[in-house]
Amino acid sequence: MHIRHALSRFGRIGLTVGAATVLATGLATNAQAATGSIRYFDVNQAEFRIVDPPDNVCLALQVRADLIANETNRRMTIYLGTACATRVTTIGPGEARSHIGGPQSVRITG
């Protein structure tokens, strides 16, 4: 009877550890990147794109953006300068802004 009890206990421990691992892995995968694109245009209407941007990483834009669109599934904060130092605004999924001072960096904020 002691062996059966011990095996049952190990089975429950294994199930608990396995469930915790799946939960942690699932959460980590969801938190790694937004789905979709950040589209932005310079003053000459040249288009640039960042596809599936990572979360909570400052992303320098290739040019100053005259128009910037958040086509991801997460919120995006827009900054002046290339180091995400001076916040301009935050926009949600599906929103866009134009003529806001030529931002040069963004961060997906969740």
C-alpha atoms as a PDB file:
ATOM      1  CA  MET A   1       0.000   0.000   0.000  1.00  0.00           C
ATOM      2  CA  HIS A   2       2.906   2.355   0.711  1.00  0.00           C
ATOM      3  CA  ILE A   3       4.254   1.978  -2.838  1.00  0.00           C
ATOM      4  CA  ARG A   4       0.876   2.809  -4.371  1.00  0.00           C
ATOM      5  CA  HIS A   5       0.588   5.905  -2.117  1.00  0.00           C
ATOM      6  CA  ALA A   6       4.099   7.015  -3.077  1.00  0.00           C
ATOM      7  CA  LEU A   7       3.383   6.585  -6.813  1.00  0.00           C
ATOM      8  CA  SER A   8       0.139   8.501  -6.467  1.00  0.00           C
ATOM      9  CA  ARG A   9       1.954  11.316  -4.685  1.00  0.00           C
ATOM     10  CA  PHE A  10       4.669  11.477  -7.377  1.00  0.00           C
ATOM     11  CA  GLY A  11       1.947  11.541 -10.032  1.00  0.00           C
ATOM     12  CA  ARG A  12       0.288  14.556  -8.392  1.00  0.00           C
ATOM     13  CA  ILE A  13       3.633  16.360  -8.060  1.00  0.00           C
ATOM     14  CA  GLY A  14       4.425  15.672 -11.725  1.00  0.00           C
ATOM     15  CA  LEU A  15       1.012  16.936 -12.788  1.00  0.00           C
ATOM     16  CA  THR A  16       1.420  20.111 -10.731  1.00  0.00           C
ATOM     17  CA  VAL A  17       4.912  20.807 -12.112  1.00  0.00           C
ATOM     18  CA  GLY A  18       3.737  20.071 -15.655  1.00  0.00           C
ATOM     19  CA  ALA A  19       0.754  22.411 -15.340  1.00  0.00           C
ATOM     20  CA  ALA A  20       2.955  25.174 -13.910  1.00  0.00           C
ATOM     21  CA  THR A  21       5.429  24.760 -16.771  1.00  0.00           C
ATOM     22  CA  VAL A  22       2.699  24.968 -19.419  1.00  0.00           C
ATOM     23  CA  LEU A  23       1.202  28.030 -17.750  1.00  0.00           C
ATOM     24  CA  ALA A  24       4.572  29.804 -17.456  1.00  0.00           C
ATOM     25  CA  THR A  25       5.550  28.942 -21.029  1.00  0.00           C
ATOM     26  CA  GLY A  26       2.190  30.087 -22.363  1.00  0.00           C
ATOM     27  CA  LEU A  27       2.417  33.400 -20.553  1.00  0.00           C
ATOM     28  CA  ALA A  28       6.010  33.983 -21.666  1.00  0.00           C
ATOM     29  CA  THR A  29       5.123  33.309 -25.296  1.00  0.00           C
ATOM     30  CA  ASN A  30       2.185  35.738 -25.201  1.00  0.00           C
ATOM     31  CA  ALA A  31       4.299  38.483 -23.637  1.00  0.00           C
ATOM     32  CA  GLN A  32       7.171  38.365 -26.147  1.00  0.00           C
ATOM     33  CA  ALA A  33       5.763  40.296 -29.104  1.00  0.00           C
ATOM     34  CA  ALA A  34       2.769  42.110 -30.413  1.00  0.00           C
ATOM     35  CA  THR A  35       1.014  40.696 -33.447  1.00  0.00           C
ATOM     36  CA  GLY A  36       0.763  42.999 -36.443  1.00  0.00           C
ATOM     37  CA  SER A  37       2.712  45.962 -37.751  1.00  0.00           C
ATOM     38  CA  ILE A  38       3.742  49.474 -36.911  1.00  0.00           C
ATOM     39  CA  ARG A  39       3.475  51.468 -40.145  1.00  0.00           C
ATOM     40  CA  TYR A  40       4.971  54.913 -40.483  1.00  0.00           C
ATOM     41  CA  PHE A  41       5.564  57.421 -43.248  1.00  0.00           C
ATOM     42  CA  ASP A  42       8.085  60.234 -43.640  1.00  0.00           C
ATOM     43  CA  VAL A  43       7.186  63.696 -44.993  1.00  0.00           C
ATOM     44  CA  ASN A  44       7.671  62.413 -48.563  1.00  0.00           C
ATOM     45  CA  GLN A  45       5.123  59.618 -47.941  1.00  0.00           C
ATOM     46  CA  ALA A  46       7.770  56.850 -48.052  1.00  0.00           C
ATOM     47  CA  GLU A  47       6.424  53.900 -46.050  1.00  0.00           C
ATOM     48  CA  PHE A  48       8.298  51.968 -43.361  1.00  0.00           C
ATOM     49  CA  ARG A  49       7.134  48.994 -41.322  1.00  0.00           C
ATOM     50  CA  ILE A  50       8.040  47.089 -38.157  1.00  0.00           C
ATOM     51  CA  VAL A  51       6.401  43.633 -38.124  1.00  0.00           C
ATOM     52  CA  ASP A  52       5.511  41.845 -34.859  1.00  0.00           C
ATOM     53  CA  PRO A  53       7.432  44.277 -32.618  1.00  0.00           C
ATOM     54  CA  PRO A  54       8.675  42.959 -29.246  1.00  0.00           C
ATOM     55  CA  ASP A  55       7.003  44.173 -26.045  1.00  0.00           C
ATOM     56  CA  ASN A  56       8.680  46.748 -23.799  1.00  0.00           C
ATOM     57  CA  VAL A  57      11.639  47.353 -26.124  1.00  0.00           C
ATOM     58  CA  CYS A  58      12.531  50.829 -27.383  1.00  0.00           C
ATOM     59  CA  LEU A  59      12.485  50.692 -31.189  1.00  0.00           C
ATOM     60  CA  ALA A  60      14.245  53.458 -33.121  1.00  0.00           C
ATOM     61  CA  LEU A  61      12.453  54.396 -36.327  1.00  0.00           C
ATOM     62  CA  GLN A  62      14.445  54.641 -39.569  1.00  0.00           C
ATOM     63  CA  VAL A  63      13.196  58.186 -40.218  1.00  0.00           C
ATOM     64  CA  ARG A  64      11.215  60.862 -38.410  1.00  0.00           C
ATOM     65  CA  ALA A  65       7.583  59.833 -38.741  1.00  0.00           C
ATOM     66  CA  ASP A  66       5.107  62.292 -40.181  1.00  0.00           C
ATOM     67  CA  LEU A  67       2.301  59.725 -39.807  1.00  0.00           C
ATOM     68  CA  ILE A  68       2.452  56.631 -37.601  1.00  0.00           C
ATOM     69  CA  ALA A  69      -0.148  53.845 -37.342  1.00  0.00           C
ATOM     70  CA  ASN A  70      -0.453  51.136 -34.706  1.00  0.00           C
ATOM     71  CA  GLU A  71      -1.697  48.061 -36.545  1.00  0.00           C
ATOM     72  CA  THR A  72      -0.731  45.710 -33.692  1.00  0.00           C
ATOM     73  CA  ASN A  73      -2.864  44.118 -30.994  1.00  0.00           C
ATOM     74  CA  ARG A  74      -1.245  46.137 -28.172  1.00  0.00           C
ATOM     75  CA  ARG A  75      -0.884  49.768 -27.048  1.00  0.00           C
ATOM     76  CA  MET A  76       2.065  51.751 -28.387  1.00  0.00           C
ATOM     77  CA  THR A  77       3.840  54.738 -26.855  1.00  0.00           C
ATOM     78  CA  ILE A  78       5.431  57.222 -29.275  1.00  0.00           C
ATOM     79  CA  TYR A  79       8.558  59.235 -28.370  1.00  0.00           C
ATOM     80  CA  LEU A  80      10.681  62.073 -29.734  1.00  0.00           C
ATOM     81  CA  GLY A  81      14.346  61.129 -30.156  1.00  0.00           C
ATOM     82  CA  THR A  82      15.719  57.647 -30.749  1.00  0.00           C
ATOM     83  CA  ALA A  83      15.980  56.480 -27.109  1.00  0.00           C
ATOM     84  CA  CYS A  84      12.323  56.615 -25.956  1.00  0.00           C
ATOM     85  CA  ALA A  85      13.136  59.542 -23.680  1.00  0.00           C
ATOM     86  CA  THR A  86      10.460  62.168 -24.426  1.00  0.00           C
ATOM     87  CA  ARG A  87       6.940  60.749 -24.576  1.00  0.00           C
ATOM     88  CA  VAL A  88       4.618  62.263 -27.163  1.00  0.00           C
ATOM     89  CA  THR A  89       1.487  60.117 -26.820  1.00  0.00           C
ATOM     90  CA  THR A  90       0.150  56.584 -26.431  1.00  0.00           C
ATOM     91  CA  ILE A  91      -2.215  55.066 -28.987  1.00  0.00           C
ATOM     92  CA  GLY A  92      -4.227  51.885 -29.009  1.00  0.00           C
ATOM     93  CA  PRO A  93      -4.550  49.166 -31.623  1.00  0.00           C
ATOM     94  CA  GLY A  94      -5.930  50.483 -34.902  1.00  0.00           C
ATOM     95  CA  GLU A  95      -5.137  54.128 -34.089  1.00  0.00           C
ATOM     96  CA  ALA A  96      -2.835  56.509 -35.955  1.00  0.00           C
ATOM     97  CA  ARG A  97      -1.348  59.979 -35.411  1.00  0.00           C
ATOM     98  CA  SER A  98       0.121  62.505 -37.808  1.00  0.00           C
ATOM     99  CA  HIS A  99       2.045  65.781 -37.543  1.00  0.00           C
ATOM    100  CA  ILE A 100       3.118  65.222 -33.912  1.00  0.00           C
ATOM    101  CA  GLY A 101       6.660  66.568 -34.073  1.00  0.00           C
ATOM    102  CA  GLY A 102       8.481  63.872 -36.021  1.00  0.00           C
ATOM    103  CA  PRO A 103       8.792  61.054 -33.489  1.00  0.00           C
ATOM    104  CA  GLN A 104      11.826  58.790 -33.817  1.00  0.00           C
ATOM    105  CA  SER A 105      11.085  55.871 -31.488  1.00  0.00           C
ATOM    106  CA  VAL A 106       8.247  53.732 -30.160  1.00  0.00           C
ATOM    107  CA  ARG A 107       7.600  51.099 -27.510  1.00  0.00           C
ATOM    108  CA  ILE A 108       4.848  48.469 -27.417  1.00  0.00           C
ATOM    109  CA  THR A 109       3.451  48.754 -23.902  1.00  0.00           C
ATOM    110  CA  GLY A 110       0.865  46.009 -23.748  1.00  0.00           C
END
